[in-house]
């Protein structure tokens, strides 16, 4: 007897949820929670695996590869700056900007903090100039 491929089982399960979601029988949140709740994430390498009777089947430490944190791309930093320039400081609360900020490393956050300080000072200076005219 051959063992079923777990990837196929996952796809069939997702398809079954889709058939319940489309007519409104189940919500997307219910389906998503079903797929995520049973997962364990390795804190070192980020690998996920299904829990098996309370024991996670995450590979032993010696077989894991650490997550490589690369520097934040300059394009991500510039995208955040552009959004703030065009939409103001409220742009920092927008979901797309928050997602970009979540991908930033410490150096990028420091760069953005410094830039935001300068941006605020320039905005205050411009507002002051417009009041004196």
Protein backbone atom coordinates (compact mmCIF):
# COMPACT_ATOMS: atom_id res chain seq x y z
CA UNK A 1 0.00 0.00 0.00
CA UNK A 2 1.52 3.32 -1.04
CA UNK A 3 1.25 6.43 1.09
CA UNK A 4 -0.73 9.41 -0.30
CA UNK A 5 1.26 12.52 -1.13
CA UNK A 6 0.47 15.11 1.61
CA UNK A 7 0.66 17.93 -0.94
CA UNK A 8 -2.27 16.41 -2.84
CA UNK A 9 -4.22 16.05 0.39
CA UNK A 10 -3.66 19.73 1.12
CA UNK A 11 -4.90 20.73 -2.34
CA UNK A 12 -8.02 18.55 -2.01
CA UNK A 13 -8.75 20.03 1.39
CA UNK A 14 -8.38 23.56 0.01
CA UNK A 15 -10.67 22.69 -2.90
CA UNK A 16 -13.30 21.36 -0.48
CA UNK A 17 -13.18 24.61 1.50
CA UNK A 18 -13.49 26.62 -1.72
CA UNK A 19 -16.68 24.70 -2.57
CA UNK A 20 -18.09 25.74 0.81
CA UNK A 21 -16.95 29.36 0.58
CA UNK A 22 -18.24 30.18 -2.91
CA UNK A 23 -21.94 29.57 -2.12
CA UNK A 24 -21.57 31.22 1.31
CA UNK A 25 -21.84 28.07 3.42
CA UNK A 26 -18.52 28.81 5.14
CA UNK A 27 -16.42 31.95 5.54
CA UNK A 28 -12.95 32.55 4.19
CA UNK A 29 -11.76 33.13 7.76
CA UNK A 30 -12.93 29.66 8.82
CA UNK A 31 -11.14 28.01 5.91
CA UNK A 32 -7.94 29.95 6.42
CA UNK A 33 -7.91 29.23 10.15
CA UNK A 34 -8.30 25.53 9.43
CA UNK A 35 -5.14 25.57 7.31
CA UNK A 36 -3.08 27.73 9.64
CA UNK A 37 -4.14 26.57 13.14
CA UNK A 38 -2.53 23.16 12.80
CA UNK A 39 0.87 24.50 11.76
CA UNK A 40 4.03 24.79 13.83
CA UNK A 41 6.73 27.25 12.78
CA UNK A 42 10.40 26.66 13.52
CA UNK A 43 11.82 29.81 15.17
CA UNK A 44 15.22 29.26 13.58
CA UNK A 45 14.53 28.46 9.94
CA UNK A 46 10.86 29.41 9.57
CA UNK A 47 9.85 25.94 8.32
CA UNK A 48 6.27 24.92 8.97
CA UNK A 49 4.89 21.46 9.55
CA UNK A 50 1.61 19.97 10.72
CA UNK A 51 1.37 19.00 14.36
CA UNK A 52 1.20 15.27 14.87
CA UNK A 53 -0.41 14.27 18.14
CA UNK A 54 1.03 17.30 19.87
CA UNK A 55 4.54 16.66 18.55
CA UNK A 56 5.68 18.93 15.75
CA UNK A 57 7.54 17.23 12.93
CA UNK A 58 10.09 20.00 12.52
CA UNK A 59 13.52 18.74 11.46
CA UNK A 60 16.20 18.43 14.15
CA UNK A 61 18.29 21.55 14.76
CA UNK A 62 21.35 20.20 12.93
CA UNK A 63 19.34 19.93 9.67
CA UNK A 64 17.80 23.40 9.75
CA UNK A 65 19.08 26.35 7.78
CA UNK A 66 18.89 29.76 9.47
CA UNK A 67 16.72 32.43 7.88
CA UNK A 68 18.99 34.84 6.07
CA UNK A 69 17.94 38.40 6.70
CA UNK A 70 19.05 40.48 3.76
CA UNK A 71 19.26 44.26 3.85
CA UNK A 72 16.04 46.01 2.92
CA UNK A 73 16.06 46.88 -0.79
CA UNK A 74 16.42 50.60 -1.49
CA UNK A 75 13.28 50.37 -3.64
CA UNK A 76 11.22 49.45 -0.57
CA UNK A 77 12.57 52.43 1.37
CA UNK A 78 11.93 54.77 -1.57
CA UNK A 79 8.39 53.41 -2.00
CA UNK A 80 7.61 54.26 1.63
CA UNK A 81 9.09 57.74 1.23
CA UNK A 82 7.13 58.35 -1.97
CA UNK A 83 3.87 57.31 -0.32
CA UNK A 84 4.48 59.66 2.61
CA UNK A 85 5.43 62.52 0.28
CA UNK A 86 2.26 62.12 -1.79
CA UNK A 87 -0.26 61.17 0.94
CA UNK A 88 1.24 62.68 4.08
CA UNK A 89 1.97 61.04 7.42
CA UNK A 90 -1.41 59.28 7.35
CA UNK A 91 0.11 56.98 4.72
CA UNK A 92 2.07 55.27 7.51
CA UNK A 93 -1.21 53.74 8.71
CA UNK A 94 -2.19 52.33 5.31
CA UNK A 95 -2.00 48.51 5.04
CA UNK A 96 0.41 48.54 2.07
CA UNK A 97 2.82 50.87 3.87
CA UNK A 98 2.57 48.89 7.10
CA UNK A 99 3.37 45.72 5.18
CA UNK A 100 6.41 47.36 3.59
CA UNK A 101 7.56 48.59 7.00
CA UNK A 102 7.24 45.07 8.41
CA UNK A 103 9.78 43.87 5.83
CA UNK A 104 12.37 46.52 6.78
CA UNK A 105 15.49 45.65 8.72
CA UNK A 106 16.81 47.81 11.58
CA UNK A 107 19.05 49.91 9.36
CA UNK A 108 16.15 50.74 7.03
CA UNK A 109 13.94 51.67 9.99
CA UNK A 110 16.68 53.99 11.28
CA UNK A 111 17.02 55.57 7.82
CA UNK A 112 13.26 56.07 7.60
CA UNK A 113 13.09 57.50 11.13
CA UNK A 114 15.76 60.07 10.27
CA UNK A 115 14.04 60.90 6.99
CA UNK A 116 10.66 61.29 8.73
CA UNK A 117 12.18 63.68 11.28
CA UNK A 118 13.50 65.82 8.42
CA UNK A 119 10.20 65.52 6.54
CA UNK A 120 8.24 66.74 9.57
CA UNK A 121 10.63 69.66 10.11
CA UNK A 122 10.38 70.67 6.45
CA UNK A 123 6.57 70.43 6.57
CA UNK A 124 6.46 72.60 9.70
CA UNK A 125 8.86 75.10 8.13
CA UNK A 126 6.73 75.27 4.95
CA UNK A 127 3.56 75.73 7.01
CA UNK A 128 5.22 78.50 9.01
CA UNK A 129 6.32 80.25 5.81
CA UNK A 130 2.81 80.10 4.37
CA UNK A 131 1.36 81.64 7.57
CA UNK A 132 3.78 84.59 7.49
CA UNK A 133 2.88 85.51 3.92
